[in-house]
C-alpha atoms as a PDB file:
ATOM      1  CA  UNK A   1       1.170 -33.421  -5.308  1.00  0.00           C
ATOM      2  CA  UNK A   2       1.282 -30.473  -2.781  1.00  0.00           C
ATOM      3  CA  UNK A   3      -0.893 -31.050   0.339  1.00  0.00           C
ATOM      4  CA  UNK A   4      -3.266 -28.108   1.072  1.00  0.00           C
ATOM      5  CA  UNK A   5      -2.072 -25.360   3.703  1.00  0.00           C
ATOM      6  CA  UNK A   6      -5.299 -25.362   6.139  1.00  0.00           C
ATOM      7  CA  UNK A   7      -3.479 -22.969   8.419  1.00  0.00           C
ATOM      8  CA  UNK A   8      -2.846 -20.400   5.775  1.00  0.00           C
ATOM      9  CA  UNK A   9      -6.319 -20.602   4.370  1.00  0.00           C
ATOM     10  CA  UNK A  10      -7.752 -20.151   8.138  1.00  0.00           C
ATOM     11  CA  UNK A  11      -5.313 -17.231   8.569  1.00  0.00           C
ATOM     12  CA  UNK A  12      -6.610 -15.544   5.131  1.00  0.00           C
ATOM     13  CA  UNK A  13     -10.306 -15.811   6.414  1.00  0.00           C
ATOM     14  CA  UNK A  14      -9.545 -14.478   9.674  1.00  0.00           C
ATOM     15  CA  UNK A  15      -7.798 -11.406   8.491  1.00  0.00           C
ATOM     16  CA  UNK A  16     -10.777 -10.848   5.952  1.00  0.00           C
ATOM     17  CA  UNK A  17     -13.149 -11.329   8.643  1.00  0.00           C
ATOM     18  CA  UNK A  18     -11.169  -8.972  10.752  1.00  0.00           C
ATOM     19  CA  UNK A  19     -10.959  -6.260   7.956  1.00  0.00           C
ATOM     20  CA  UNK A  20     -14.639  -6.579   7.238  1.00  0.00           C
ATOM     21  CA  UNK A  21     -15.622  -5.994  10.876  1.00  0.00           C
ATOM     22  CA  UNK A  22     -13.299  -3.039  10.932  1.00  0.00           C
ATOM     23  CA  UNK A  23     -14.684  -1.584   7.738  1.00  0.00           C
ATOM     24  CA  UNK A  24     -18.145  -1.875   9.237  1.00  0.00           C
ATOM     25  CA  UNK A  25     -17.297  -0.060  12.564  1.00  0.00           C
ATOM     26  CA  UNK A  26     -15.734   2.608  10.428  1.00  0.00           C
ATOM     27  CA  UNK A  27     -18.836   2.840   8.414  1.00  0.00           C
ATOM     28  CA  UNK A  28     -21.247   3.085  11.434  1.00  0.00           C
ATOM     29  CA  UNK A  29     -18.833   5.928  13.193  1.00  0.00           C
ATOM     30  CA  UNK A  30     -19.334   7.752   9.780  1.00  0.00           C
ATOM     31  CA  UNK A  31     -22.931   7.316   9.941  1.00  0.00           C
ATOM     32  CA  UNK A  32     -23.131   8.333  13.593  1.00  0.00           C
ATOM     33  CA  UNK A  33     -21.055  11.573  12.728  1.00  0.00           C
ATOM     34  CA  UNK A  34     -23.134  12.519   9.658  1.00  0.00           C
ATOM     35  CA  UNK A  35     -26.595  11.246   9.942  1.00  0.00           C
ATOM     36  CA  UNK A  36     -28.225  13.148   7.019  1.00  0.00           C
ATOM     37  CA  UNK A  37     -25.419  11.749   4.445  1.00  0.00           C
ATOM     38  CA  UNK A  38     -27.207   8.604   3.731  1.00  0.00           C
ATOM     39  CA  UNK A  39     -30.626  10.373   2.757  1.00  0.00           C
ATOM     40  CA  UNK A  40     -32.673   9.958   5.786  1.00  0.00           C
ATOM     41  CA  UNK A  41     -33.996  12.918   7.293  1.00  0.00           C
ATOM     42  CA  UNK A  42     -34.304  13.276  11.395  1.00  0.00           C
ATOM     43  CA  UNK A  43     -38.102  14.266  10.891  1.00  0.00           C
ATOM     44  CA  UNK A  44     -38.978  11.346   8.471  1.00  0.00           C
ATOM     45  CA  UNK A  45     -41.659   9.474  10.158  1.00  0.00           C
ATOM     46  CA  UNK A  46     -40.408   6.205   8.945  1.00  0.00           C
ATOM     47  CA  UNK A  47     -37.074   6.526  10.908  1.00  0.00           C
ATOM     48  CA  UNK A  48     -37.881   9.067  13.507  1.00  0.00           C
ATOM     49  CA  UNK A  49     -38.306   7.402  16.845  1.00  0.00           C
ATOM     50  CA  UNK A  50     -39.879  10.313  18.493  1.00  0.00           C
ATOM     51  CA  UNK A  51     -42.636   9.982  15.987  1.00  0.00           C
ATOM     52  CA  UNK A  52     -43.277   6.565  16.886  1.00  0.00           C
ATOM     53  CA  UNK A  53     -43.746   7.677  20.491  1.00  0.00           C
ATOM     54  CA  UNK A  54     -46.429  10.274  19.748  1.00  0.00           C
ATOM     55  CA  UNK A  55     -48.274   7.660  17.422  1.00  0.00           C
ATOM     56  CA  UNK A  56     -48.762   4.452  19.311  1.00  0.00           C
ATOM     57  CA  UNK A  57     -49.291   1.335  16.657  1.00  0.00           C
ATOM     58  CA  UNK A  58     -52.638   0.085  16.523  1.00  0.00           C
ATOM     59  CA  UNK A  59     -53.570  -3.172  17.691  1.00  0.00           C
ATOM     60  CA  UNK A  60     -56.214  -5.472  16.298  1.00  0.00           C
ATOM     61  CA  UNK A  61     -59.334  -5.873  17.877  1.00  0.00           C
ATOM     62  CA  UNK A  62     -59.807  -8.929  19.927  1.00  0.00           C
ATOM     63  CA  UNK A  63     -63.135 -10.901  20.165  1.00  0.00           C
ATOM     64  CA  UNK A  64     -64.730 -10.670  23.495  1.00  0.00           C
ATOM     65  CA  UNK A  65     -66.420 -13.609  25.336  1.00  0.00           C
ATOM     66  CA  UNK A  66     -70.009 -11.966  25.136  1.00  0.00           C
ATOM     67  CA  UNK A  67     -69.661 -10.819  21.378  1.00  0.00           C
END
């Protein structure tokens, strides 16, 4: 019976990992160049950072010592 070639398997995993990372970076660069292509609008309050600056988040009221 043949012995498993662990070095080959490791190399294949490394190559797959490298390819996946490159694909992610490529997709990220594409999103950066074309931000509206994924359906999100720049003025959308859910994704617009500027709208978060104008509308501060509401914090729950903390109980006071007197009350």
